[in-house]
Amino acid sequence: MFKGMREDVRAVFDRDPAARHWFEVVTTSPGLHAIWIHRLTHWLWRRGLKWLARFIAQTARFLTGIEIHPGARICVLEVARIMDISNACVNLFC
């Protein structure tokens, strides 16, 4: 789990020229927070806890401005301020 999180932080450094320090990235990057929360909600969704997954996803949307449906499979997610990814359109990105 932590190995994947470190890789995510490295990916932000590779793609975002404004990233200066790992602590800044971890605490202020809404795209990174959205991906981490999506991994949790996707795990819950696949185990049948769909209401809880949707509730957490909506809370994350309020906090980050990024909505990712818990059932979506994400291949690549670029830096974004406001984006909606739903179960129906995920195949467009993969």
PDB file of N, CA and C in Angstrom:
ATOM      1  N   MET A   1       0.811  -1.191   0.000  1.00  0.00           N
ATOM      2  CA  MET A   1       0.000   0.000   0.000  1.00  0.00           C
ATOM      3  C   MET A   1       0.861   1.264   0.000  1.00  0.00           C
ATOM      4  N   PHE A   2       1.847   1.329   0.902  1.00  0.00           N
ATOM      5  CA  PHE A   2       2.676   2.528   0.985  1.00  0.00           C
ATOM      6  C   PHE A   2       3.590   2.660  -0.222  1.00  0.00           C
ATOM      7  N   LYS A   3       3.973   1.528  -0.814  1.00  0.00           N
ATOM      8  CA  LYS A   3       4.792   1.573  -2.024  1.00  0.00           C
ATOM      9  C   LYS A   3       4.009   2.269  -3.145  1.00  0.00           C
ATOM     10  N   GLY A   4       2.734   1.918  -3.282  1.00  0.00           N
ATOM     11  CA  GLY A   4       1.896   2.555  -4.285  1.00  0.00           C
ATOM     12  C   GLY A   4       1.718   4.042  -4.032  1.00  0.00           C
ATOM     13  N   MET A   5       1.600   4.427  -2.769  1.00  0.00           N
ATOM     14  CA  MET A   5       1.449   5.841  -2.430  1.00  0.00           C
ATOM     15  C   MET A   5       2.723   6.613  -2.766  1.00  0.00           C
ATOM     16  N   ARG A   6       3.875   6.002  -2.518  1.00  0.00           N
ATOM     17  CA  ARG A   6       5.144   6.649  -2.874  1.00  0.00           C
ATOM     18  C   ARG A   6       5.255   6.825  -4.382  1.00  0.00           C
ATOM     19  N   GLU A   7       4.809   5.816  -5.127  1.00  0.00           N
ATOM     20  CA  GLU A   7       4.824   5.920  -6.592  1.00  0.00           C
ATOM     21  C   GLU A   7       3.897   7.036  -7.066  1.00  0.00           C
ATOM     22  N   ASP A   8       2.757   7.197  -6.405  1.00  0.00           N
ATOM     23  CA  ASP A   8       1.836   8.281  -6.754  1.00  0.00           C
ATOM     24  C   ASP A   8       2.481   9.645  -6.533  1.00  0.00           C
ATOM     25  N   VAL A   9       3.172   9.798  -5.419  1.00  0.00           N
ATOM     26  CA  VAL A   9       3.841  11.070  -5.124  1.00  0.00           C
ATOM     27  C   VAL A   9       4.932  11.324  -6.157  1.00  0.00           C
ATOM     28  N   ARG A  10       5.687  10.280  -6.519  1.00  0.00           N
ATOM     29  CA  ARG A  10       6.710  10.428  -7.562  1.00  0.00           C
ATOM     30  C   ARG A  10       6.089  10.841  -8.890  1.00  0.00           C
ATOM     31  N   ALA A  11       4.928  10.293  -9.199  1.00  0.00           N
ATOM     32  CA  ALA A  11       4.238  10.642 -10.447  1.00  0.00           C
ATOM     33  C   ALA A  11       3.849  12.118 -10.457  1.00  0.00           C
ATOM     34  N   VAL A  12       3.429  12.642  -9.312  1.00  0.00           N
ATOM     35  CA  VAL A  12       3.104  14.069  -9.230  1.00  0.00           C
ATOM     36  C   VAL A  12       4.349  14.894  -9.505  1.00  0.00           C
ATOM     37  N   PHE A  13       5.493  14.519  -8.931  1.00  0.00           N
ATOM     38  CA  PHE A  13       6.736  15.236  -9.178  1.00  0.00           C
ATOM     39  C   PHE A  13       7.126  15.173 -10.650  1.00  0.00           C
ATOM     40  N   ASP A  14       6.889  14.048 -11.305  1.00  0.00           N
ATOM     41  CA  ASP A  14       7.227  13.906 -12.723  1.00  0.00           C
ATOM     42  C   ASP A  14       6.359  14.779 -13.613  1.00  0.00           C
ATOM     43  N   ARG A  15       5.107  15.003 -13.219  1.00  0.00           N
ATOM     44  CA  ARG A  15       4.152  15.688 -14.091  1.00  0.00           C
ATOM     45  C   ARG A  15       3.850  17.139 -13.703  1.00  0.00           C
ATOM     46  N   ASP A  16       4.159  17.516 -12.484  1.00  0.00           N
ATOM     47  CA  ASP A  16       3.805  18.857 -12.013  1.00  0.00           C
ATOM     48  C   ASP A  16       5.063  19.654 -11.690  1.00  0.00           C
ATOM     49  N   PRO A  17       5.401  20.634 -12.522  1.00  0.00           N
ATOM     50  CA  PRO A  17       6.617  21.415 -12.274  1.00  0.00           C
ATOM     51  C   PRO A  17       6.538  22.287 -11.020  1.00  0.00           C
ATOM     52  N   ALA A  18       5.343  22.525 -10.500  1.00  0.00           N
ATOM     53  CA  ALA A  18       5.190  23.344  -9.294  1.00  0.00           C
ATOM     54  C   ALA A  18       5.420  22.546  -8.011  1.00  0.00           C
ATOM     55  N   ALA A  19       5.515  21.231  -8.109  1.00  0.00           N
ATOM     56  CA  ALA A  19       5.731  20.396  -6.912  1.00  0.00           C
ATOM     57  C   ALA A  19       7.142  20.630  -6.387  1.00  0.00           C
ATOM     58  N   ARG A  20       7.230  21.004  -5.100  1.00  0.00           N
ATOM     59  CA  ARG A  20       8.543  21.326  -4.516  1.00  0.00           C
ATOM     60  C   ARG A  20       9.003  20.352  -3.442  1.00  0.00           C
ATOM     61  N   HIS A  21       8.067  19.821  -2.668  1.00  0.00           N
ATOM     62  CA  HIS A  21       8.435  18.966  -1.542  1.00  0.00           C
ATOM     63  C   HIS A  21       7.357  17.902  -1.374  1.00  0.00           C
ATOM     64  N   TRP A  22       7.757  16.707  -0.932  1.00  0.00           N
ATOM     65  CA  TRP A  22       6.803  15.603  -0.809  1.00  0.00           C
ATOM     66  C   TRP A  22       5.670  15.948   0.159  1.00  0.00           C
ATOM     67  N   PHE A  23       5.986  16.666   1.243  1.00  0.00           N
ATOM     68  CA  PHE A  23       4.953  17.014   2.226  1.00  0.00           C
ATOM     69  C   PHE A  23       3.917  17.951   1.611  1.00  0.00           C
ATOM     70  N   GLU A  24       4.386  18.891   0.807  1.00  0.00           N
ATOM     71  CA  GLU A  24       3.473  19.803   0.124  1.00  0.00           C
ATOM     72  C   GLU A  24       2.557  19.037  -0.831  1.00  0.00           C
ATOM     73  N   VAL A  25       3.117  18.094  -1.561  1.00  0.00           N
ATOM     74  CA  VAL A  25       2.330  17.298  -2.505  1.00  0.00           C
ATOM     75  C   VAL A  25       1.282  16.476  -1.768  1.00  0.00           C
ATOM     76  N   VAL A  26       1.670  15.814  -0.703  1.00  0.00           N
ATOM     77  CA  VAL A  26       0.761  14.940   0.045  1.00  0.00           C
ATOM     78  C   VAL A  26      -0.362  15.742   0.704  1.00  0.00           C
ATOM     79  N   THR A  27      -0.090  16.949   1.132  1.00  0.00           N
ATOM     80  CA  THR A  27      -1.096  17.705   1.868  1.00  0.00           C
ATOM     81  C   THR A  27      -1.938  18.648   1.020  1.00  0.00           C
ATOM     82  N   THR A  28      -1.491  18.979  -0.208  1.00  0.00           N
ATOM     83  CA  THR A  28      -2.211  20.000  -0.978  1.00  0.00           C
ATOM     84  C   THR A  28      -2.622  19.574  -2.383  1.00  0.00           C
ATOM     85  N   SER A  29      -2.414  18.354  -2.777  1.00  0.00           N
ATOM     86  CA  SER A  29      -2.729  17.929  -4.140  1.00  0.00           C
ATOM     87  C   SER A  29      -4.101  17.258  -4.203  1.00  0.00           C
ATOM     88  N   PRO A  30      -5.130  17.961  -4.693  1.00  0.00           N
ATOM     89  CA  PRO A  30      -6.464  17.372  -4.712  1.00  0.00           C
ATOM     90  C   PRO A  30      -6.568  16.154  -5.634  1.00  0.00           C
ATOM     91  N   GLY A  31      -5.819  16.155  -6.728  1.00  0.00           N
ATOM     92  CA  GLY A  31      -5.855  14.999  -7.626  1.00  0.00           C
ATOM     93  C   GLY A  31      -5.322  13.751  -6.956  1.00  0.00           C
ATOM     94  N   LEU A  32      -4.278  13.906  -6.186  1.00  0.00           N
ATOM     95  CA  LEU A  32      -3.701  12.789  -5.445  1.00  0.00           C
ATOM     96  C   LEU A  32      -4.681  12.287  -4.384  1.00  0.00           C
ATOM     97  N   HIS A  33      -5.308  13.205  -3.683  1.00  0.00           N
ATOM     98  CA  HIS A  33      -6.305  12.813  -2.674  1.00  0.00           C
ATOM     99  C   HIS A  33      -7.464  12.074  -3.329  1.00  0.00           C
ATOM    100  N   ALA A  34      -7.897  12.569  -4.488  1.00  0.00           N
ATOM    101  CA  ALA A  34      -9.015  11.926  -5.191  1.00  0.00           C
ATOM    102  C   ALA A  34      -8.672  10.494  -5.591  1.00  0.00           C
ATOM    103  N   ILE A  35      -7.462  10.273  -6.063  1.00  0.00           N
ATOM    104  CA  ILE A  35      -7.043   8.915  -6.459  1.00  0.00           C
ATOM    105  C   ILE A  35      -6.985   8.004  -5.238  1.00  0.00           C
ATOM    106  N   TRP A  36      -6.401   8.481  -4.152  1.00  0.00           N
ATOM    107  CA  TRP A  36      -6.300   7.653  -2.948  1.00  0.00           C
ATOM    108  C   TRP A  36      -7.673   7.306  -2.400  1.00  0.00           C
ATOM    109  N   ILE A  37      -8.569   8.269  -2.381  1.00  0.00           N
ATOM    110  CA  ILE A  37      -9.922   7.998  -1.885  1.00  0.00           C
ATOM    111  C   ILE A  37     -10.664   7.071  -2.842  1.00  0.00           C
ATOM    112  N   HIS A  38     -10.423   7.250  -4.154  1.00  0.00           N
ATOM    113  CA  HIS A  38     -11.065   6.366  -5.125  1.00  0.00           C
ATOM    114  C   HIS A  38     -10.639   4.916  -4.912  1.00  0.00           C
ATOM    115  N   ARG A  39      -9.393   4.700  -4.613  1.00  0.00           N
ATOM    116  CA  ARG A  39      -8.935   3.318  -4.368  1.00  0.00           C
ATOM    117  C   ARG A  39      -9.690   2.697  -3.200  1.00  0.00           C
ATOM    118  N   LEU A  40      -9.927   3.472  -2.155  1.00  0.00           N
ATOM    119  CA  LEU A  40     -10.704   2.983  -1.020  1.00  0.00           C
ATOM    120  C   LEU A  40     -12.144   2.708  -1.429  1.00  0.00           C
ATOM    121  N   THR A  41     -12.775   3.666  -2.116  1.00  0.00           N
ATOM    122  CA  THR A  41     -14.180   3.495  -2.486  1.00  0.00           C
ATOM    123  C   THR A  41     -14.361   2.372  -3.502  1.00  0.00           C
ATOM    124  N   HIS A  42     -13.402   2.203  -4.400  1.00  0.00           N
ATOM    125  CA  HIS A  42     -13.480   1.107  -5.370  1.00  0.00           C
ATOM    126  C   HIS A  42     -13.393  -0.241  -4.657  1.00  0.00           C
ATOM    127  N   TRP A  43     -12.544  -0.328  -3.653  1.00  0.00           N
ATOM    128  CA  TRP A  43     -12.411  -1.549  -2.855  1.00  0.00           C
ATOM    129  C   TRP A  43     -13.738  -1.860  -2.166  1.00  0.00           C
ATOM    130  N   LEU A  44     -14.356  -0.831  -1.585  1.00  0.00           N
ATOM    131  CA  LEU A  44     -15.655  -1.014  -0.927  1.00  0.00           C
ATOM    132  C   LEU A  44     -16.730  -1.419  -1.935  1.00  0.00           C
ATOM    133  N   TRP A  45     -16.729  -0.770  -3.101  1.00  0.00           N
ATOM    134  CA  TRP A  45     -17.720  -1.055  -4.150  1.00  0.00           C
ATOM    135  C   TRP A  45     -17.647  -2.513  -4.578  1.00  0.00           C
ATOM    136  N   ARG A  46     -16.441  -3.016  -4.788  1.00  0.00           N
ATOM    137  CA  ARG A  46     -16.265  -4.391  -5.251  1.00  0.00           C
ATOM    138  C   ARG A  46     -16.646  -5.415  -4.183  1.00  0.00           C
ATOM    139  N   ARG A  47     -16.703  -5.004  -2.932  1.00  0.00           N
ATOM    140  CA  ARG A  47     -17.099  -5.906  -1.858  1.00  0.00           C
ATOM    141  C   ARG A  47     -18.566  -5.756  -1.482  1.00  0.00           C
ATOM    142  N   GLY A  48     -19.309  -5.018  -2.296  1.00  0.00           N
ATOM    143  CA  GLY A  48     -20.749  -4.915  -2.096  1.00  0.00           C
ATOM    144  C   GLY A  48     -21.200  -3.809  -1.160  1.00  0.00           C
ATOM    145  N   LEU A  49     -20.285  -2.997  -0.675  1.00  0.00           N
ATOM    146  CA  LEU A  49     -20.639  -1.888   0.222  1.00  0.00           C
ATOM    147  C   LEU A  49     -20.852  -0.618  -0.613  1.00  0.00           C
ATOM    148  N   LYS A  50     -21.826  -0.689  -1.506  1.00  0.00           N
ATOM    149  CA  LYS A  50     -22.009   0.357  -2.513  1.00  0.00           C
ATOM    150  C   LYS A  50     -22.466   1.683  -1.916  1.00  0.00           C
ATOM    151  N   TRP A  51     -23.383   1.652  -0.937  1.00  0.00           N
ATOM    152  CA  TRP A  51     -23.827   2.916  -0.352  1.00  0.00           C
ATOM    153  C   TRP A  51     -22.665   3.627   0.337  1.00  0.00           C
ATOM    154  N   LEU A  52     -21.897   2.898   1.118  1.00  0.00           N
ATOM    155  CA  LEU A  52     -20.764   3.494   1.817  1.00  0.00           C
ATOM    156  C   LEU A  52     -19.742   4.044   0.824  1.00  0.00           C
ATOM    157  N   ALA A  53     -19.493   3.309  -0.240  1.00  0.00           N
ATOM    158  CA  ALA A  53     -18.555   3.764  -1.268  1.00  0.00           C
ATOM    159  C   ALA A  53     -19.035   5.069  -1.898  1.00  0.00           C
ATOM    160  N   ARG A  54     -20.332   5.148  -2.238  1.00  0.00           N
ATOM    161  CA  ARG A  54     -20.877   6.372  -2.844  1.00  0.00           C
ATOM    162  C   ARG A  54     -20.842   7.536  -1.855  1.00  0.00           C
ATOM    163  N   PHE A  55     -21.137   7.253  -0.585  1.00  0.00           N
ATOM    164  CA  PHE A  55     -21.127   8.313   0.429  1.00  0.00           C
ATOM    165  C   PHE A  55     -19.717   8.895   0.580  1.00  0.00           C
ATOM    166  N   ILE A  56     -18.718   8.049   0.660  1.00  0.00           N
ATOM    167  CA  ILE A  56     -17.328   8.519   0.782  1.00  0.00           C
ATOM    168  C   ILE A  56     -16.909   9.260  -0.478  1.00  0.00           C
ATOM    169  N   ALA A  57     -17.309   8.756  -1.649  1.00  0.00           N
ATOM    170  CA  ALA A  57     -16.968   9.427  -2.907  1.00  0.00           C
ATOM    171  C   ALA A  57     -17.582  10.826  -2.973  1.00  0.00           C
ATOM    172  N   GLN A  58     -18.815  10.985  -2.511  1.00  0.00           N
ATOM    173  CA  GLN A  58     -19.453  12.299  -2.513  1.00  0.00           C
ATOM    174  C   GLN A  58     -18.777  13.249  -1.519  1.00  0.00           C
ATOM    175  N   THR A  59     -18.368  12.723  -0.395  1.00  0.00           N
ATOM    176  CA  THR A  59     -17.633  13.539   0.572  1.00  0.00           C
ATOM    177  C   THR A  59     -16.303  13.986  -0.026  1.00  0.00           C
ATOM    178  N   ALA A  60     -15.631  13.076  -0.717  1.00  0.00           N
ATOM    179  CA  ALA A  60     -14.360  13.407  -1.372  1.00  0.00           C
ATOM    180  C   ALA A  60     -14.570  14.458  -2.457  1.00  0.00           C
ATOM    181  N   ARG A  61     -15.680  14.359  -3.175  1.00  0.00           N
ATOM    182  CA  ARG A  61     -15.993  15.349  -4.208  1.00  0.00           C
ATOM    183  C   ARG A  61     -16.135  16.732  -3.590  1.00  0.00           C
ATOM    184  N   PHE A  62     -16.793  16.802  -2.449  1.00  0.00           N
ATOM    185  CA  PHE A  62     -16.948  18.075  -1.753  1.00  0.00           C
ATOM    186  C   PHE A  62     -15.587  18.644  -1.349  1.00  0.00           C
ATOM    187  N   LEU A  63     -14.677  17.786  -0.899  1.00  0.00           N
ATOM    188  CA  LEU A  63     -13.371  18.233  -0.410  1.00  0.00           C
ATOM    189  C   LEU A  63     -12.382  18.546  -1.533  1.00  0.00           C
ATOM    190  N   THR A  64     -12.416  17.781  -2.628  1.00  0.00           N
ATOM    191  CA  THR A  64     -11.407  17.928  -3.682  1.00  0.00           C
ATOM    192  C   THR A  64     -11.913  18.604  -4.946  1.00  0.00           C
ATOM    193  N   GLY A  65     -13.220  18.592  -5.170  1.00  0.00           N
ATOM    194  CA  GLY A  65     -13.755  19.114  -6.417  1.00  0.00           C
ATOM    195  C   GLY A  65     -13.650  18.128  -7.561  1.00  0.00           C
ATOM    196  N   ILE A  66     -13.273  16.900  -7.269  1.00  0.00           N
ATOM    197  CA  ILE A  66     -13.103  15.863  -8.279  1.00  0.00           C
ATOM    198  C   ILE A  66     -14.012  14.699  -7.923  1.00  0.00           C
ATOM    199  N   GLU A  67     -14.853  14.297  -8.881  1.00  0.00           N
ATOM    200  CA  GLU A  67     -15.760  13.186  -8.632  1.00  0.00           C
ATOM    201  C   GLU A  67     -15.329  11.981  -9.460  1.00  0.00           C
ATOM    202  N   ILE A  68     -15.122  10.879  -8.791  1.00  0.00           N
ATOM    203  CA  ILE A  68     -14.798   9.622  -9.460  1.00  0.00           C
ATOM    204  C   ILE A  68     -15.769   8.576  -8.932  1.00  0.00           C
ATOM    205  N   HIS A  69     -16.533   7.982  -9.824  1.00  0.00           N
ATOM    206  CA  HIS A  69     -17.505   6.962  -9.416  1.00  0.00           C
ATOM    207  C   HIS A  69     -16.755   5.776  -8.814  1.00  0.00           C
ATOM    208  N   PRO A  70     -17.233   5.230  -7.701  1.00  0.00           N
ATOM    209  CA  PRO A  70     -16.536   4.116  -7.053  1.00  0.00           C
ATOM    210  C   PRO A  70     -16.398   2.870  -7.929  1.00  0.00           C
ATOM    211  N   GLY A  71     -17.272   2.693  -8.905  1.00  0.00           N
ATOM    212  CA  GLY A  71     -17.188   1.531  -9.778  1.00  0.00           C
ATOM    213  C   GLY A  71     -16.264   1.722 -10.965  1.00  0.00           C
ATOM    214  N   ALA A  72     -15.735   2.935 -11.136  1.00  0.00           N
ATOM    215  CA  ALA A  72     -14.886   3.229 -12.293  1.00  0.00           C
ATOM    216  C   ALA A  72     -13.518   2.570 -12.155  1.00  0.00           C
ATOM    217  N   ARG A  73     -13.007   2.112 -13.291  1.00  0.00           N
ATOM    218  CA  ARG A  73     -11.627   1.620 -13.361  1.00  0.00           C
ATOM    219  C   ARG A  73     -10.806   2.718 -14.017  1.00  0.00           C
ATOM    220  N   ILE A  74      -9.790   3.189 -13.344  1.00  0.00           N
ATOM    221  CA  ILE A  74      -9.006   4.316 -13.847  1.00  0.00           C
ATOM    222  C   ILE A  74      -7.695   3.803 -14.431  1.00  0.00           C
ATOM    223  N   CYS A  75      -7.418   4.238 -15.654  1.00  0.00           N
ATOM    224  CA  CYS A  75      -6.146   3.898 -16.304  1.00  0.00           C
ATOM    225  C   CYS A  75      -5.148   5.035 -16.104  1.00  0.00           C
ATOM    226  N   VAL A  76      -5.525   6.237 -16.526  1.00  0.00           N
ATOM    227  CA  VAL A  76      -4.662   7.413 -16.418  1.00  0.00           C
ATOM    228  C   VAL A  76      -5.529   8.578 -15.986  1.00  0.00           C
ATOM    229  N   LEU A  77      -5.053   9.343 -15.030  1.00  0.00           N
ATOM    230  CA  LEU A  77      -5.781  10.532 -14.591  1.00  0.00           C
ATOM    231  C   LEU A  77      -4.794  11.688 -14.581  1.00  0.00           C
ATOM    232  N   GLU A  78      -5.036  12.672 -15.406  1.00  0.00           N
ATOM    233  CA  GLU A  78      -4.172  13.847 -15.471  1.00  0.00           C
ATOM    234  C   GLU A  78      -4.610  14.851 -14.403  1.00  0.00           C
ATOM    235  N   VAL A  79      -3.786  15.850 -14.195  1.00  0.00           N
ATOM    236  CA  VAL A  79      -4.095  16.881 -13.217  1.00  0.00           C
ATOM    237  C   VAL A  79      -5.359  17.608 -13.660  1.00  0.00           C
ATOM    238  N   ALA A  80      -6.307  17.752 -12.750  1.00  0.00           N
ATOM    239  CA  ALA A  80      -7.574  18.399 -13.083  1.00  0.00           C
ATOM    240  C   ALA A  80      -8.133  19.100 -11.865  1.00  0.00           C
ATOM    241  N   ARG A  81      -8.881  20.147 -12.084  1.00  0.00           N
ATOM    242  CA  ARG A  81      -9.541  20.835 -10.969  1.00  0.00           C
ATOM    243  C   ARG A  81     -10.947  20.273 -10.776  1.00  0.00           C
ATOM    244  N   ILE A  82     -11.700  20.213 -11.847  1.00  0.00           N
ATOM    245  CA  ILE A  82     -13.056  19.680 -11.750  1.00  0.00           C
ATOM    246  C   ILE A  82     -13.217  18.630 -12.843  1.00  0.00           C
ATOM    247  N   MET A  83     -13.500  17.424 -12.446  1.00  0.00           N
ATOM    248  CA  MET A  83     -13.728  16.387 -13.439  1.00  0.00           C
ATOM    249  C   MET A  83     -14.707  15.384 -12.881  1.00  0.00           C
ATOM    250  N   ASP A  84     -15.496  14.838 -13.763  1.00  0.00           N
ATOM    251  CA  ASP A  84     -16.451  13.810 -13.382  1.00  0.00           C
ATOM    252  C   ASP A  84     -16.129  12.555 -14.169  1.00  0.00           C
ATOM    253  N   ILE A  85     -15.859  11.484 -13.467  1.00  0.00           N
ATOM    254  CA  ILE A  85     -15.624  10.210 -14.115  1.00  0.00           C
ATOM    255  C   ILE A  85     -16.684   9.266 -13.600  1.00  0.00           C
ATOM    256  N   SER A  86     -17.478   8.743 -14.499  1.00  0.00           N
ATOM    257  CA  SER A  86     -18.544   7.846 -14.077  1.00  0.00           C
ATOM    258  C   SER A  86     -18.291   6.464 -14.624  1.00  0.00           C
ATOM    259  N   ASN A  87     -19.079   5.541 -14.179  1.00  0.00           N
ATOM    260  CA  ASN A  87     -18.985   4.168 -14.653  1.00  0.00           C
ATOM    261  C   ASN A  87     -19.199   4.102 -16.159  1.00  0.00           C
ATOM    262  N   ALA A  88     -20.057   4.954 -16.696  1.00  0.00           N
ATOM    263  CA  ALA A  88     -20.400   4.894 -18.114  1.00  0.00           C
ATOM    264  C   ALA A  88     -19.278   5.410 -19.004  1.00  0.00           C
ATOM    265  N   CYS A  89     -18.555   6.424 -18.577  1.00  0.00           N
ATOM    266  CA  CYS A  89     -17.570   7.004 -19.472  1.00  0.00           C
ATOM    267  C   CYS A  89     -16.154   6.512 -19.223  1.00  0.00           C
ATOM    268  N   VAL A  90     -15.933   5.625 -18.289  1.00  0.00           N
ATOM    269  CA  VAL A  90     -14.580   5.186 -17.974  1.00  0.00           C
ATOM    270  C   VAL A  90     -13.926   4.481 -19.163  1.00  0.00           C
ATOM    271  N   ASN A  91     -14.693   3.830 -19.999  1.00  0.00           N
ATOM    272  CA  ASN A  91     -14.108   3.129 -21.127  1.00  0.00           C
ATOM    273  C   ASN A  91     -13.507   4.076 -22.152  1.00  0.00           C
ATOM    274  N   LEU A  92     -13.894   5.339 -22.135  1.00  0.00           N
ATOM    275  CA  LEU A  92     -13.311   6.323 -23.040  1.00  0.00           C
ATOM    276  C   LEU A  92     -11.851   6.609 -22.697  1.00  0.00           C
ATOM    277  N   PHE A  93     -11.489   6.429 -21.427  1.00  0.00           N
ATOM    278  CA  PHE A  93     -10.144   6.746 -20.977  1.00  0.00           C
ATOM    279  C   PHE A  93      -9.197   5.556 -21.026  1.00  0.00           C
ATOM    280  N   CYS A  94      -9.722   4.345 -21.097  1.00  0.00           N
ATOM    281  CA  CYS A  94      -8.882   3.149 -21.050  1.00  0.00           C
ATOM    282  C   CYS A  94      -8.506   2.669 -22.432  1.00  0.00           C
TER     283      CYS A  94
END
